[in-house]
C-alpha atoms as a PDB file:
ATOM      1  CA  MET A   1     -10.541   0.711  -2.981  1.00  0.00           C
ATOM      2  CA  GLU A   2     -10.284  -1.316   0.198  1.00  0.00           C
ATOM      3  CA  ASN A   3      -6.732  -0.189   1.000  1.00  0.00           C
ATOM      4  CA  SER A   4      -5.939   3.417   0.228  1.00  0.00           C
ATOM      5  CA  ILE A   5      -3.981   6.350   1.603  1.00  0.00           C
ATOM      6  CA  THR A   6      -3.891  10.094   1.016  1.00  0.00           C
ATOM      7  CA  ILE A   7      -0.508  11.735   0.511  1.00  0.00           C
ATOM      8  CA  SER A   8       0.014  15.468   0.716  1.00  0.00           C
ATOM      9  CA  ALA A   9       2.700  18.067   1.190  1.00  0.00           C
ATOM     10  CA  GLN A  10       2.558  21.722   2.115  1.00  0.00           C
ATOM     11  CA  PHE A  11       5.047  24.289   0.890  1.00  0.00           C
ATOM     12  CA  ASP A  12       5.344  27.950   0.031  1.00  0.00           C
ATOM     13  CA  PHE A  13       6.447  29.035  -3.422  1.00  0.00           C
ATOM     14  CA  ARG A  14       6.494  32.575  -4.835  1.00  0.00           C
ATOM     15  CA  GLY A  15       4.404  33.920  -1.987  1.00  0.00           C
ATOM     16  CA  LYS A  16       1.686  31.266  -2.233  1.00  0.00           C
ATOM     17  CA  THR A  17       1.023  28.246  -0.060  1.00  0.00           C
ATOM     18  CA  PHE A  18       0.506  24.986  -1.932  1.00  0.00           C
ATOM     19  CA  ARG A  19      -0.896  21.730  -0.570  1.00  0.00           C
ATOM     20  CA  PRO A  20      -0.898  19.171  -3.371  1.00  0.00           C
ATOM     21  CA  GLY A  21      -2.477  15.850  -2.490  1.00  0.00           C
ATOM     22  CA  THR A  22      -3.463  12.547  -4.018  1.00  0.00           C
ATOM     23  CA  THR A  23      -5.053   9.295  -2.934  1.00  0.00           C
ATOM     24  CA  LEU A  24      -3.293   6.048  -3.751  1.00  0.00           C
ATOM     25  CA  ASP A  25      -5.243   2.861  -4.388  1.00  0.00           C
ATOM     26  CA  LEU A  26      -2.845   0.515  -2.600  1.00  0.00           C
ATOM     27  CA  ASP A  27      -4.634  -2.630  -3.789  1.00  0.00           C
ATOM     28  CA  TRP A  28      -4.121  -1.567  -7.414  1.00  0.00           C
ATOM     29  CA  LEU A  29      -0.483  -0.816  -6.664  1.00  0.00           C
ATOM     30  CA  MET A  30       0.107  -4.161  -4.948  1.00  0.00           C
ATOM     31  CA  GLU A  31      -1.606  -6.153  -7.696  1.00  0.00           C
ATOM     32  CA  ARG A  32       0.832  -4.654 -10.189  1.00  0.00           C
ATOM     33  CA  GLY A  33       4.091  -5.439  -8.458  1.00  0.00           C
ATOM     34  CA  ALA A  34       4.163  -3.752  -5.050  1.00  0.00           C
ATOM     35  CA  GLU A  35       6.811  -1.219  -5.985  1.00  0.00           C
ATOM     36  CA  LEU A  36       7.181   1.806  -3.764  1.00  0.00           C
ATOM     37  CA  PRO A  37       6.027   4.779  -5.851  1.00  0.00           C
ATOM     38  CA  ASP A  38       7.930   8.024  -6.125  1.00  0.00           C
ATOM     39  CA  TYR A  39       5.497  10.004  -4.007  1.00  0.00           C
ATOM     40  CA  HIS A  40       6.809  13.443  -4.983  1.00  0.00           C
ATOM     41  CA  GLN A  41       6.585  12.588  -8.670  1.00  0.00           C
ATOM     42  CA  ARG A  42       3.044  11.275  -8.218  1.00  0.00           C
ATOM     43  CA  LEU A  43       1.993  14.428  -6.338  1.00  0.00           C
ATOM     44  CA  ALA A  44       3.480  16.608  -9.046  1.00  0.00           C
ATOM     45  CA  ALA A  45       1.840  14.724 -11.897  1.00  0.00           C
ATOM     46  CA  GLU A  46      -1.598  14.714 -10.296  1.00  0.00           C
ATOM     47  CA  ASN A  47      -1.426  18.369  -9.249  1.00  0.00           C
ATOM     48  CA  GLY A  48      -0.054  19.953 -12.419  1.00  0.00           C
ATOM     49  CA  ILE A  49       3.465  20.613 -11.160  1.00  0.00           C
ATOM     50  CA  ASP A  50       6.136  20.472 -13.851  1.00  0.00           C
ATOM     51  CA  PRO A  51       8.879  18.014 -12.785  1.00  0.00           C
ATOM     52  CA  TYR A  52      11.498  20.370 -14.280  1.00  0.00           C
ATOM     53  CA  SER A  53      10.397  23.447 -12.350  1.00  0.00           C
ATOM     54  CA  TYR A  54      11.623  25.212  -9.218  1.00  0.00           C
ATOM     55  CA  GLU A  55       8.196  24.522  -7.752  1.00  0.00           C
ATOM     56  CA  TYR A  56       8.932  20.785  -8.058  1.00  0.00           C
ATOM     57  CA  GLU A  57      12.287  21.247  -6.305  1.00  0.00           C
ATOM     58  CA  VAL A  58      10.496  22.900  -3.390  1.00  0.00           C
ATOM     59  CA  LEU A  59       7.931  20.080  -3.373  1.00  0.00           C
ATOM     60  CA  GLU A  60      10.742  17.500  -3.230  1.00  0.00           C
ATOM     61  CA  SER A  61      12.203  19.151  -0.158  1.00  0.00           C
ATOM     62  CA  SER A  62       8.827  19.216   1.604  1.00  0.00           C
ATOM     63  CA  GLU A  63       7.772  16.660   4.195  1.00  0.00           C
ATOM     64  CA  LEU A  64       5.100  14.278   3.021  1.00  0.00           C
ATOM     65  CA  VAL A  65       2.064  13.616   5.187  1.00  0.00           C
ATOM     66  CA  PHE A  66       0.188  10.323   4.977  1.00  0.00           C
ATOM     67  CA  GLU A  67      -3.385  10.286   6.265  1.00  0.00           C
ATOM     68  CA  ASN A  68      -6.900   8.966   5.752  1.00  0.00           C
ATOM     69  CA  ALA A  69      -5.649   5.404   5.349  1.00  0.00           C
ATOM     70  CA  THR A  70      -8.269   2.707   4.868  1.00  0.00           C
ATOM     71  CA  GLY A  71      -8.178  -1.053   5.285  1.00  0.00           C
ATOM     72  CA  LEU A  72      -4.920  -2.667   6.371  1.00  0.00           C
ATOM     73  CA  ALA A  73      -3.039   0.543   5.543  1.00  0.00           C
ATOM     74  CA  ALA A  74      -4.571   2.249   8.585  1.00  0.00           C
ATOM     75  CA  ASP A  75      -2.411   0.052  10.828  1.00  0.00           C
ATOM     76  CA  TYR A  76       0.761   1.328   9.155  1.00  0.00           C
ATOM     77  CA  VAL A  77       0.318   5.093   9.475  1.00  0.00           C
ATOM     78  CA  VAL A  78       1.890   6.569  12.589  1.00  0.00           C
ATOM     79  CA  ASN A  79       2.193  10.323  13.133  1.00  0.00           C
ATOM     80  CA  GLY A  80       1.760  11.056   9.439  1.00  0.00           C
ATOM     81  CA  HIS A  81       4.357   8.511   8.282  1.00  0.00           C
ATOM     82  CA  PHE A  82       3.536   5.363   6.311  1.00  0.00           C
ATOM     83  CA  ASP A  83       5.369   2.044   6.728  1.00  0.00           C
ATOM     84  CA  PHE A  84       4.951   0.826   3.154  1.00  0.00           C
ATOM     85  CA  GLU A  85       7.114  -2.266   3.655  1.00  0.00           C
ATOM     86  CA  GLY A  86       5.140  -3.343   6.717  1.00  0.00           C
ATOM     87  CA  PHE A  87       1.888  -2.820   4.817  1.00  0.00           C
ATOM     88  CA  ARG A  88       3.268  -4.636   1.774  1.00  0.00           C
ATOM     89  CA  GLN A  89       4.230  -7.698   3.823  1.00  0.00           C
ATOM     90  CA  ARG A  90       0.851  -7.892   5.552  1.00  0.00           C
ATOM     91  CA  TRP A  91      -1.047  -7.359   2.285  1.00  0.00           C
ATOM     92  CA  LEU A  92       0.863 -10.216   0.657  1.00  0.00           C
ATOM     93  CA  GLU A  93       0.163 -12.496   3.642  1.00  0.00           C
ATOM     94  CA  GLN A  94      -3.553 -11.651   3.517  1.00  0.00           C
ATOM     95  CA  SER A  95      -3.599 -12.291  -0.219  1.00  0.00           C
ATOM     96  CA  GLU A  96      -1.967 -15.705   0.269  1.00  0.00           C
ATOM     97  CA  LEU A  97      -4.419 -16.616   3.024  1.00  0.00           C
ATOM     98  CA  GLY A  98      -7.383 -15.620   0.879  1.00  0.00           C
ATOM     99  CA  ALA A  99      -6.232 -17.917  -1.910  1.00  0.00           C
ATOM    100  CA  LEU A 100      -5.620 -20.774   0.522  1.00  0.00           C
ATOM    101  CA  GLU A 101      -9.034 -20.325   2.129  1.00  0.00           C
ATOM    102  CA  ARG A 102     -10.683 -20.652  -1.296  1.00  0.00           C
ATOM    103  CA  ILE A 103      -8.735 -23.880  -1.931  1.00  0.00           C
ATOM    104  CA  ALA A 104      -9.581 -25.303   1.502  1.00  0.00           C
ATOM    105  CA  ARG A 105     -13.267 -24.480   1.002  1.00  0.00           C
ATOM    106  CA  LYS A 106     -13.391 -25.936  -2.517  1.00  0.00           C
ATOM    107  CA  HIS A 107     -11.438 -29.157  -1.947  1.00  0.00           C
ATOM    108  CA  LEU A 108     -11.770 -29.872   1.766  1.00  0.00           C
ATOM    109  CA  GLY A 109     -15.049 -28.236   2.749  1.00  0.00           C
ATOM    110  CA  VAL A 110     -13.246 -26.076   5.333  1.00  0.00           C
ATOM    111  CA  GLU A 111     -15.092 -22.788   5.843  1.00  0.00           C
ATOM    112  CA  GLN A 112     -12.762 -21.164   8.401  1.00  0.00           C
ATOM    113  CA  LEU A 113      -9.106 -22.004   7.809  1.00  0.00           C
ATOM    114  CA  ALA A 114      -8.167 -20.029  10.932  1.00  0.00           C
ATOM    115  CA  GLN A 115      -9.995 -22.629  13.027  1.00  0.00           C
ATOM    116  CA  GLN A 116      -7.620 -25.328  11.785  1.00  0.00           C
ATOM    117  CA  PRO A 117      -4.131 -23.914  12.414  1.00  0.00           C
ATOM    118  CA  ALA A 118      -2.248 -27.103  11.475  1.00  0.00           C
ATOM    119  CA  LEU A 119      -3.991 -27.255   8.097  1.00  0.00           C
ATOM    120  CA  LYS A 120      -3.428 -23.544   7.586  1.00  0.00           C
ATOM    121  CA  GLU A 121       0.306 -23.887   8.260  1.00  0.00           C
ATOM    122  CA  ALA A 122       0.574 -26.942   5.998  1.00  0.00           C
ATOM    123  CA  LEU A 123      -1.141 -25.136   3.128  1.00  0.00           C
ATOM    124  CA  LEU A 124       1.008 -22.016   3.661  1.00  0.00           C
ATOM    125  CA  GLU A 125       4.176 -24.102   3.649  1.00  0.00           C
ATOM    126  CA  ALA A 126       3.127 -25.908   0.465  1.00  0.00           C
ATOM    127  CA  TYR A 127       2.181 -22.610  -1.173  1.00  0.00           C
ATOM    128  CA  ARG A 128       5.506 -20.986  -0.299  1.00  0.00           C
ATOM    129  CA  LEU A 129       7.435 -24.053  -1.410  1.00  0.00           C
ATOM    130  CA  GLY A 130       5.649 -23.887  -4.750  1.00  0.00           C
ATOM    131  CA  LYS A 131       6.578 -20.208  -5.144  1.00  0.00           C
ATOM    132  CA  GLN A 132      10.267 -21.042  -4.675  1.00  0.00           C
ATOM    133  CA  GLY A 133      10.172 -22.923  -7.929  1.00  0.00           C
END
Protein backbone atom coordinates (compact mmCIF):
# COMPACT_ATOMS: atom_id res chain seq x y z
CA MET A 1 0.00 0.00 0.00
CA GLU A 2 2.07 2.91 -1.24
CA ASN A 3 -0.80 5.41 -1.11
CA SER A 4 -3.16 5.05 1.81
CA ILE A 5 -5.18 7.15 4.24
CA THR A 6 -6.94 6.57 7.54
CA ILE A 7 -10.50 7.86 7.91
CA SER A 8 -12.22 8.18 11.25
CA ALA A 9 -15.12 9.90 12.94
CA GLN A 10 -15.95 10.49 16.57
CA PHE A 11 -19.48 10.67 17.91
CA ASP A 12 -21.51 9.97 21.01
CA PHE A 13 -24.43 7.57 20.90
CA ARG A 14 -26.48 6.27 23.84
CA GLY A 15 -23.98 7.56 26.37
CA LYS A 16 -20.93 6.02 24.69
CA THR A 17 -18.23 7.62 22.59
CA PHE A 18 -17.47 5.86 19.31
CA ARG A 19 -14.48 6.40 17.03
CA PRO A 20 -14.84 4.10 14.04
CA GLY A 21 -11.91 4.13 11.65
CA THR A 22 -10.60 2.43 8.55
CA THR A 23 -7.59 2.63 6.27
CA LEU A 24 -8.15 2.96 2.54
CA ASP A 25 -5.69 1.50 0.05
CA LEU A 26 -5.87 4.36 -2.45
CA ASP A 27 -3.82 2.51 -5.08
CA TRP A 28 -6.34 -0.34 -5.07
CA LEU A 29 -9.17 2.18 -5.32
CA MET A 30 -7.56 4.06 -8.21
CA GLU A 31 -6.74 0.89 -10.15
CA ARG A 32 -10.43 -0.01 -10.06
CA GLY A 33 -11.91 3.20 -11.40
CA ALA A 34 -10.99 6.08 -9.10
CA GLU A 35 -14.49 6.58 -7.77
CA LEU A 36 -14.88 8.57 -4.59
CA PRO A 37 -16.07 6.09 -1.96
CA ASP A 38 -18.95 6.74 0.40
CA TYR A 39 -16.76 7.21 3.45
CA HIS A 40 -19.56 6.95 6.01
CA GLN A 41 -20.81 3.72 4.46
CA ARG A 42 -17.28 2.29 4.44
CA LEU A 43 -16.75 3.24 8.10
CA ALA A 44 -20.04 1.64 9.05
CA ALA A 45 -19.37 -1.58 7.17
CA GLU A 46 -15.87 -2.02 8.57
CA ASN A 47 -16.90 -1.16 12.14
CA GLY A 48 -20.09 -3.19 12.47
CA ILE A 49 -22.54 -0.30 12.29
CA ASP A 50 -25.89 -1.19 10.73
CA PRO A 51 -26.63 1.23 7.86
CA TYR A 52 -30.32 1.25 8.90
CA SER A 53 -29.69 2.22 12.52
CA TYR A 54 -29.85 5.47 14.48
CA GLU A 55 -26.17 4.95 15.22
CA TYR A 56 -25.48 5.19 11.47
CA GLU A 57 -27.50 8.43 11.26
CA VAL A 58 -25.32 9.92 13.99
CA LEU A 59 -22.20 8.68 12.17
CA GLU A 60 -23.39 10.36 8.96
CA SER A 61 -23.73 13.69 10.72
CA SER A 62 -20.23 13.42 12.21
CA GLU A 63 -17.20 15.16 10.75
CA LEU A 64 -14.73 12.84 9.11
CA VAL A 65 -11.04 13.12 9.91
CA PHE A 66 -8.40 12.07 7.39
CA GLU A 67 -4.93 11.30 8.74
CA ASN A 68 -1.88 9.07 8.48
CA ALA A 69 -1.72 9.50 4.71
CA THR A 70 1.16 7.81 2.91
CA GLY A 71 2.70 8.33 -0.50
CA LEU A 72 1.24 11.02 -2.75
CA ALA A 73 -1.86 11.19 -0.54
CA ALA A 74 0.15 12.92 2.19
CA ASP A 75 0.33 16.03 0.00
CA TYR A 76 -3.47 16.23 -0.17
CA VAL A 77 -4.39 16.14 3.52
CA VAL A 78 -4.73 19.57 5.10
CA ASN A 79 -6.13 20.06 8.61
CA GLY A 80 -7.81 16.67 8.59
CA HIS A 81 -9.46 17.13 5.18
CA PHE A 82 -8.55 15.12 2.08
CA ASP A 83 -8.56 16.55 -1.46
CA PHE A 84 -9.46 13.33 -3.26
CA GLU A 85 -9.77 14.99 -6.67
CA GLY A 86 -6.34 16.60 -6.38
CA PHE A 87 -4.85 13.26 -5.32
CA ARG A 88 -6.71 11.45 -8.11
CA GLN A 89 -5.34 13.80 -10.78
CA ARG A 90 -1.76 13.51 -9.53
CA TRP A 91 -2.00 9.72 -9.19
CA LEU A 92 -3.21 9.43 -12.79
CA GLU A 93 -0.38 11.68 -14.01
CA GLN A 94 2.20 9.60 -12.12
CA SER A 95 0.71 6.42 -13.53
CA GLU A 96 0.93 7.80 -17.08
CA LEU A 97 4.53 8.89 -16.56
CA GLY A 98 5.49 5.48 -15.21
CA ALA A 99 4.13 3.79 -18.31
CA LEU A 100 5.87 6.27 -20.60
CA GLU A 101 9.18 5.84 -18.78
CA ARG A 102 8.99 2.07 -19.34
CA ILE A 103 8.36 2.66 -23.07
CA ALA A 104 11.20 5.19 -23.35
CA ARG A 105 13.58 2.80 -21.57
CA LYS A 106 12.57 -0.21 -23.67
CA HIS A 107 12.50 1.41 -27.12
CA LEU A 108 14.80 4.42 -26.85
CA GLY A 109 17.25 3.49 -24.11
CA VAL A 110 16.22 6.56 -22.09
CA GLU A 111 16.69 5.92 -18.36
CA GLN A 112 15.43 9.26 -17.00
CA LEU A 113 12.56 10.70 -19.03
CA ALA A 114 12.55 13.78 -16.79
CA GLN A 115 15.98 14.70 -18.17
CA GLN A 116 14.52 14.97 -21.67
CA PRO A 117 11.51 17.28 -21.29
CA ALA A 118 10.77 17.58 -25.03
CA LEU A 119 10.62 13.79 -25.39
CA LYS A 120 8.52 13.53 -22.25
CA GLU A 121 6.00 16.07 -23.56
CA ALA A 122 5.87 14.38 -26.97
CA LEU A 123 5.20 10.98 -25.42
CA LEU A 124 2.56 12.45 -23.07
CA GLU A 125 0.82 14.17 -25.98
CA ALA A 126 0.83 10.97 -28.04
CA TYR A 127 -0.44 8.97 -25.07
CA ARG A 128 -3.29 11.40 -24.39
CA LEU A 129 -4.19 11.57 -28.06
CA GLY A 130 -4.41 7.78 -28.11
CA LYS A 131 -6.73 7.81 -25.08
CA GLN A 132 -9.12 10.17 -26.88
CA GLY A 133 -9.88 7.41 -29.32
